[in-house]
Amino acid sequence: MEYINSLVSGLPDEAAILRLSRIFHALRSEPRLKIMYLLLEKEMCVCELEAALGMSQSSISHNLRTLRQLDLVRAIKNGRFVTYSLADDHVRLLLELSRKHVTGCAQ
């Protein structure tokens, strides 16, 4: 029983579990994942994401808002122009490792 208790004590706290749950729930969306993988390659504006994905401006903006609220994506304002990028290297690593996991499992 002591072994089980030590495992449980190593779990993230409730706030972290809730946040992780929200992040993974948001990443269930194919459009959001596509946006994230495009941003893995380069910073992009909404119009570039629209062209790349064939989605409406409102749909792109809605998905970006969700990703920003979860601190997965950040907006960079340059005058009137706004570009989007991944929030940090942790997000980049999550995407890269996820891709490797999926491609490795497919073989």
N, C-alpha and C. Protein backbone atom coordinates (compact mmCIF):
# COMPACT_ATOMS: atom_id res chain seq x y z
N MET A 1 0.82 -1.19 0.00
CA MET A 1 0.00 0.00 0.00
C MET A 1 0.87 1.26 0.00
N GLU A 2 2.01 1.18 0.65
CA GLU A 2 2.91 2.33 0.69
C GLU A 2 3.38 2.69 -0.72
N TYR A 3 3.62 1.67 -1.54
CA TYR A 3 4.04 1.88 -2.92
C TYR A 3 2.96 2.64 -3.69
N ILE A 4 1.70 2.25 -3.52
CA ILE A 4 0.59 2.92 -4.19
C ILE A 4 0.50 4.37 -3.73
N ASN A 5 0.62 4.59 -2.43
CA ASN A 5 0.56 5.95 -1.89
C ASN A 5 1.67 6.82 -2.47
N SER A 6 2.86 6.25 -2.66
CA SER A 6 3.96 7.04 -3.23
C SER A 6 3.68 7.38 -4.69
N LEU A 7 3.04 6.45 -5.41
CA LEU A 7 2.65 6.75 -6.79
C LEU A 7 1.63 7.87 -6.85
N VAL A 8 0.62 7.78 -6.01
CA VAL A 8 -0.44 8.79 -5.97
C VAL A 8 0.11 10.15 -5.57
N SER A 9 1.05 10.18 -4.66
CA SER A 9 1.62 11.46 -4.22
C SER A 9 2.41 12.14 -5.33
N GLY A 10 2.82 11.38 -6.34
CA GLY A 10 3.56 11.95 -7.46
C GLY A 10 2.67 12.50 -8.57
N LEU A 11 1.35 12.32 -8.44
CA LEU A 11 0.43 12.84 -9.45
C LEU A 11 0.43 14.37 -9.42
N PRO A 12 0.17 15.00 -10.57
CA PRO A 12 0.00 16.46 -10.56
C PRO A 12 -1.17 16.84 -9.65
N ASP A 13 -1.14 18.05 -9.12
CA ASP A 13 -2.24 18.48 -8.26
C ASP A 13 -3.53 18.66 -9.07
N GLU A 14 -4.63 18.84 -8.37
CA GLU A 14 -5.95 18.91 -9.03
C GLU A 14 -6.04 20.04 -10.05
N ALA A 15 -5.46 21.19 -9.75
CA ALA A 15 -5.49 22.31 -10.69
C ALA A 15 -4.74 21.97 -11.97
N ALA A 16 -3.60 21.31 -11.84
CA ALA A 16 -2.83 20.91 -13.02
C ALA A 16 -3.57 19.85 -13.83
N ILE A 17 -4.21 18.90 -13.15
CA ILE A 17 -4.98 17.87 -13.85
C ILE A 17 -6.13 18.51 -14.64
N LEU A 18 -6.81 19.47 -14.03
CA LEU A 18 -7.91 20.16 -14.71
C LEU A 18 -7.40 20.90 -15.93
N ARG A 19 -6.28 21.59 -15.79
CA ARG A 19 -5.70 22.34 -16.91
C ARG A 19 -5.26 21.39 -18.03
N LEU A 20 -4.62 20.30 -17.67
CA LEU A 20 -4.22 19.30 -18.67
C LEU A 20 -5.43 18.72 -19.38
N SER A 21 -6.47 18.45 -18.64
CA SER A 21 -7.69 17.92 -19.22
C SER A 21 -8.27 18.89 -20.25
N ARG A 22 -8.26 20.17 -19.93
CA ARG A 22 -8.77 21.19 -20.86
C ARG A 22 -7.90 21.27 -22.11
N ILE A 23 -6.60 21.18 -21.93
CA ILE A 23 -5.69 21.23 -23.08
C ILE A 23 -5.93 20.04 -24.00
N PHE A 24 -5.97 18.83 -23.44
CA PHE A 24 -6.16 17.65 -24.28
C PHE A 24 -7.55 17.64 -24.91
N HIS A 25 -8.54 18.17 -24.22
CA HIS A 25 -9.87 18.28 -24.81
C HIS A 25 -9.84 19.21 -26.02
N ALA A 26 -9.17 20.34 -25.89
CA ALA A 26 -9.07 21.30 -27.00
C ALA A 26 -8.33 20.70 -28.18
N LEU A 27 -7.34 19.85 -27.91
CA LEU A 27 -6.55 19.26 -28.99
C LEU A 27 -7.26 18.10 -29.68
N ARG A 28 -8.47 17.76 -29.23
CA ARG A 28 -9.27 16.75 -29.93
C ARG A 28 -9.78 17.29 -31.26
N SER A 29 -9.74 18.58 -31.44
CA SER A 29 -10.25 19.23 -32.63
C SER A 29 -9.23 19.17 -33.77
N GLU A 30 -9.63 18.57 -34.89
CA GLU A 30 -8.72 18.49 -36.04
C GLU A 30 -8.30 19.87 -36.54
N PRO A 31 -9.22 20.83 -36.68
CA PRO A 31 -8.77 22.16 -37.12
C PRO A 31 -7.74 22.78 -36.18
N ARG A 32 -7.92 22.62 -34.88
CA ARG A 32 -6.95 23.18 -33.93
C ARG A 32 -5.60 22.50 -34.06
N LEU A 33 -5.61 21.19 -34.23
CA LEU A 33 -4.34 20.49 -34.42
C LEU A 33 -3.64 20.94 -35.69
N LYS A 34 -4.41 21.11 -36.76
CA LYS A 34 -3.82 21.59 -38.02
C LYS A 34 -3.22 22.98 -37.84
N ILE A 35 -3.94 23.85 -37.16
CA ILE A 35 -3.41 25.19 -36.88
C ILE A 35 -2.11 25.08 -36.10
N MET A 36 -2.10 24.25 -35.08
CA MET A 36 -0.90 24.09 -34.25
C MET A 36 0.28 23.58 -35.07
N TYR A 37 0.03 22.59 -35.93
CA TYR A 37 1.14 22.06 -36.73
C TYR A 37 1.63 23.06 -37.77
N LEU A 38 0.74 23.90 -38.30
CA LEU A 38 1.20 24.97 -39.19
C LEU A 38 2.06 25.97 -38.42
N LEU A 39 1.63 26.30 -37.21
CA LEU A 39 2.40 27.25 -36.39
C LEU A 39 3.70 26.64 -35.89
N LEU A 40 3.80 25.34 -35.89
CA LEU A 40 5.06 24.67 -35.57
C LEU A 40 6.11 25.03 -36.61
N GLU A 41 5.66 25.24 -37.84
CA GLU A 41 6.58 25.55 -38.95
C GLU A 41 6.96 27.03 -39.00
N LYS A 42 5.97 27.92 -38.75
CA LYS A 42 6.26 29.36 -38.82
C LYS A 42 5.14 30.16 -38.20
N GLU A 43 5.45 31.40 -37.81
CA GLU A 43 4.41 32.33 -37.37
C GLU A 43 3.52 32.62 -38.55
N MET A 44 2.22 32.73 -38.30
CA MET A 44 1.28 32.98 -39.39
C MET A 44 0.19 33.94 -38.94
N CYS A 45 -0.36 34.67 -39.90
CA CYS A 45 -1.51 35.52 -39.62
C CYS A 45 -2.78 34.73 -39.95
N VAL A 46 -3.92 35.27 -39.55
CA VAL A 46 -5.20 34.60 -39.79
C VAL A 46 -5.41 34.35 -41.28
N CYS A 47 -5.08 35.33 -42.11
CA CYS A 47 -5.32 35.17 -43.56
C CYS A 47 -4.48 34.02 -44.14
N GLU A 48 -3.27 33.82 -43.63
CA GLU A 48 -2.45 32.69 -44.09
C GLU A 48 -3.05 31.36 -43.64
N LEU A 49 -3.54 31.33 -42.41
CA LEU A 49 -4.18 30.11 -41.90
C LEU A 49 -5.45 29.80 -42.69
N GLU A 50 -6.22 30.85 -43.03
CA GLU A 50 -7.42 30.68 -43.85
C GLU A 50 -7.05 30.01 -45.18
N ALA A 51 -6.04 30.57 -45.85
CA ALA A 51 -5.63 30.05 -47.15
C ALA A 51 -5.12 28.62 -47.05
N ALA A 52 -4.35 28.34 -46.02
CA ALA A 52 -3.76 27.01 -45.87
C ALA A 52 -4.81 25.95 -45.57
N LEU A 53 -5.82 26.31 -44.78
CA LEU A 53 -6.78 25.31 -44.31
C LEU A 53 -8.13 25.38 -45.01
N GLY A 54 -8.36 26.43 -45.81
CA GLY A 54 -9.65 26.57 -46.48
C GLY A 54 -10.80 26.78 -45.51
N MET A 55 -10.51 27.44 -44.41
CA MET A 55 -11.52 27.71 -43.39
C MET A 55 -11.84 29.20 -43.37
N SER A 56 -12.99 29.55 -42.82
CA SER A 56 -13.39 30.96 -42.74
C SER A 56 -12.57 31.69 -41.67
N GLN A 57 -12.53 33.00 -41.83
CA GLN A 57 -11.83 33.84 -40.86
C GLN A 57 -12.41 33.67 -39.47
N SER A 58 -13.73 33.60 -39.38
CA SER A 58 -14.36 33.47 -38.06
C SER A 58 -14.03 32.13 -37.40
N SER A 59 -13.96 31.08 -38.20
CA SER A 59 -13.62 29.76 -37.66
C SER A 59 -12.17 29.73 -37.18
N ILE A 60 -11.28 30.28 -37.98
CA ILE A 60 -9.86 30.35 -37.59
C ILE A 60 -9.73 31.16 -36.29
N SER A 61 -10.38 32.31 -36.24
CA SER A 61 -10.29 33.18 -35.06
C SER A 61 -10.85 32.50 -33.82
N HIS A 62 -11.95 31.80 -33.97
CA HIS A 62 -12.55 31.08 -32.84
C HIS A 62 -11.57 30.03 -32.29
N ASN A 63 -10.96 29.27 -33.18
CA ASN A 63 -10.01 28.24 -32.76
C ASN A 63 -8.76 28.85 -32.15
N LEU A 64 -8.27 29.94 -32.71
CA LEU A 64 -7.10 30.62 -32.14
C LEU A 64 -7.41 31.16 -30.75
N ARG A 65 -8.61 31.68 -30.55
CA ARG A 65 -9.00 32.19 -29.24
C ARG A 65 -8.93 31.08 -28.19
N THR A 66 -9.46 29.91 -28.54
CA THR A 66 -9.41 28.76 -27.63
C THR A 66 -7.97 28.39 -27.31
N LEU A 67 -7.13 28.33 -28.32
CA LEU A 67 -5.73 27.96 -28.13
C LEU A 67 -4.98 29.01 -27.31
N ARG A 68 -5.31 30.28 -27.52
CA ARG A 68 -4.68 31.36 -26.73
C ARG A 68 -5.11 31.28 -25.27
N GLN A 69 -6.38 31.01 -25.03
CA GLN A 69 -6.88 30.93 -23.65
C GLN A 69 -6.19 29.82 -22.86
N LEU A 70 -5.73 28.80 -23.56
CA LEU A 70 -5.04 27.68 -22.92
C LEU A 70 -3.52 27.87 -22.92
N ASP A 71 -3.06 29.03 -23.36
CA ASP A 71 -1.63 29.35 -23.43
C ASP A 71 -0.85 28.40 -24.34
N LEU A 72 -1.51 27.92 -25.39
CA LEU A 72 -0.83 27.08 -26.37
C LEU A 72 -0.30 27.91 -27.54
N VAL A 73 -0.96 29.02 -27.80
CA VAL A 73 -0.63 29.91 -28.91
C VAL A 73 -0.56 31.33 -28.35
N ARG A 74 0.29 32.14 -28.97
CA ARG A 74 0.33 33.55 -28.57
C ARG A 74 0.17 34.44 -29.79
N ALA A 75 -0.39 35.60 -29.56
CA ALA A 75 -0.58 36.60 -30.61
C ALA A 75 0.53 37.63 -30.49
N ILE A 76 1.11 37.99 -31.63
CA ILE A 76 2.17 38.99 -31.66
C ILE A 76 1.66 40.14 -32.51
N LYS A 77 1.43 41.27 -31.87
CA LYS A 77 0.90 42.43 -32.58
C LYS A 77 2.05 43.27 -33.09
N ASN A 78 1.98 43.59 -34.38
CA ASN A 78 3.00 44.40 -35.03
C ASN A 78 2.25 45.48 -35.80
N GLY A 79 1.99 46.60 -35.13
CA GLY A 79 1.15 47.64 -35.74
C GLY A 79 -0.28 47.15 -35.82
N ARG A 80 -0.84 47.18 -37.02
CA ARG A 80 -2.21 46.68 -37.23
C ARG A 80 -2.21 45.19 -37.51
N PHE A 81 -1.07 44.63 -37.70
CA PHE A 81 -0.93 43.24 -38.13
C PHE A 81 -0.71 42.33 -36.92
N VAL A 82 -1.40 41.20 -36.87
CA VAL A 82 -1.23 40.23 -35.78
C VAL A 82 -0.81 38.89 -36.38
N THR A 83 0.27 38.34 -35.86
CA THR A 83 0.67 36.99 -36.25
C THR A 83 0.56 36.10 -35.02
N TYR A 84 0.49 34.83 -35.28
CA TYR A 84 0.33 33.84 -34.21
C TYR A 84 1.49 32.87 -34.26
N SER A 85 1.89 32.43 -33.08
CA SER A 85 2.96 31.43 -32.97
C SER A 85 2.63 30.51 -31.81
N LEU A 86 3.36 29.41 -31.73
CA LEU A 86 3.22 28.55 -30.57
C LEU A 86 3.71 29.31 -29.35
N ALA A 87 3.13 29.02 -28.21
CA ALA A 87 3.43 29.79 -27.00
C ALA A 87 4.86 29.61 -26.52
N ASP A 88 5.39 28.39 -26.62
CA ASP A 88 6.74 28.16 -26.11
C ASP A 88 7.27 26.81 -26.60
N ASP A 89 8.49 26.50 -26.18
CA ASP A 89 9.13 25.26 -26.62
C ASP A 89 8.45 24.01 -26.06
N HIS A 90 7.75 24.13 -24.93
CA HIS A 90 7.04 22.97 -24.39
C HIS A 90 5.92 22.54 -25.33
N VAL A 91 5.22 23.52 -25.89
CA VAL A 91 4.14 23.22 -26.84
C VAL A 91 4.75 22.61 -28.11
N ARG A 92 5.84 23.18 -28.55
CA ARG A 92 6.55 22.65 -29.73
C ARG A 92 6.95 21.19 -29.51
N LEU A 93 7.50 20.90 -28.35
CA LEU A 93 7.93 19.55 -28.02
C LEU A 93 6.74 18.59 -27.95
N LEU A 94 5.64 19.04 -27.36
CA LEU A 94 4.43 18.22 -27.29
C LEU A 94 3.98 17.81 -28.69
N LEU A 95 3.97 18.75 -29.62
CA LEU A 95 3.56 18.45 -30.99
C LEU A 95 4.55 17.52 -31.69
N GLU A 96 5.83 17.80 -31.53
CA GLU A 96 6.85 16.97 -32.18
C GLU A 96 6.82 15.54 -31.66
N LEU A 97 6.73 15.38 -30.35
CA LEU A 97 6.69 14.03 -29.76
C LEU A 97 5.40 13.29 -30.12
N SER A 98 4.31 14.02 -30.18
CA SER A 98 3.03 13.40 -30.58
C SER A 98 3.11 12.87 -32.00
N ARG A 99 3.71 13.67 -32.88
CA ARG A 99 3.85 13.23 -34.28
C ARG A 99 4.74 11.99 -34.36
N LYS A 100 5.85 12.00 -33.62
CA LYS A 100 6.74 10.83 -33.62
C LYS A 100 6.03 9.60 -33.07
N HIS A 101 5.24 9.78 -32.04
CA HIS A 101 4.49 8.66 -31.46
C HIS A 101 3.54 8.06 -32.49
N VAL A 102 2.80 8.90 -33.18
CA VAL A 102 1.82 8.43 -34.15
C VAL A 102 2.51 7.77 -35.35
N THR A 103 3.56 8.38 -35.87
CA THR A 103 4.24 7.80 -37.03
C THR A 103 4.99 6.54 -36.63
N GLY A 104 5.51 6.48 -35.41
CA GLY A 104 6.20 5.28 -34.93
C GLY A 104 5.25 4.12 -34.72
N CYS A 105 4.05 4.42 -34.25
CA CYS A 105 3.05 3.37 -34.02
C CYS A 105 2.46 2.84 -35.31
N ALA A 106 2.52 3.65 -36.38
CA ALA A 106 1.91 3.25 -37.65
C ALA A 106 2.78 2.24 -38.40
N GLN A 107 4.02 2.11 -37.98
CA GLN A 107 4.93 1.22 -38.72
C GLN A 107 4.84 -0.21 -38.27
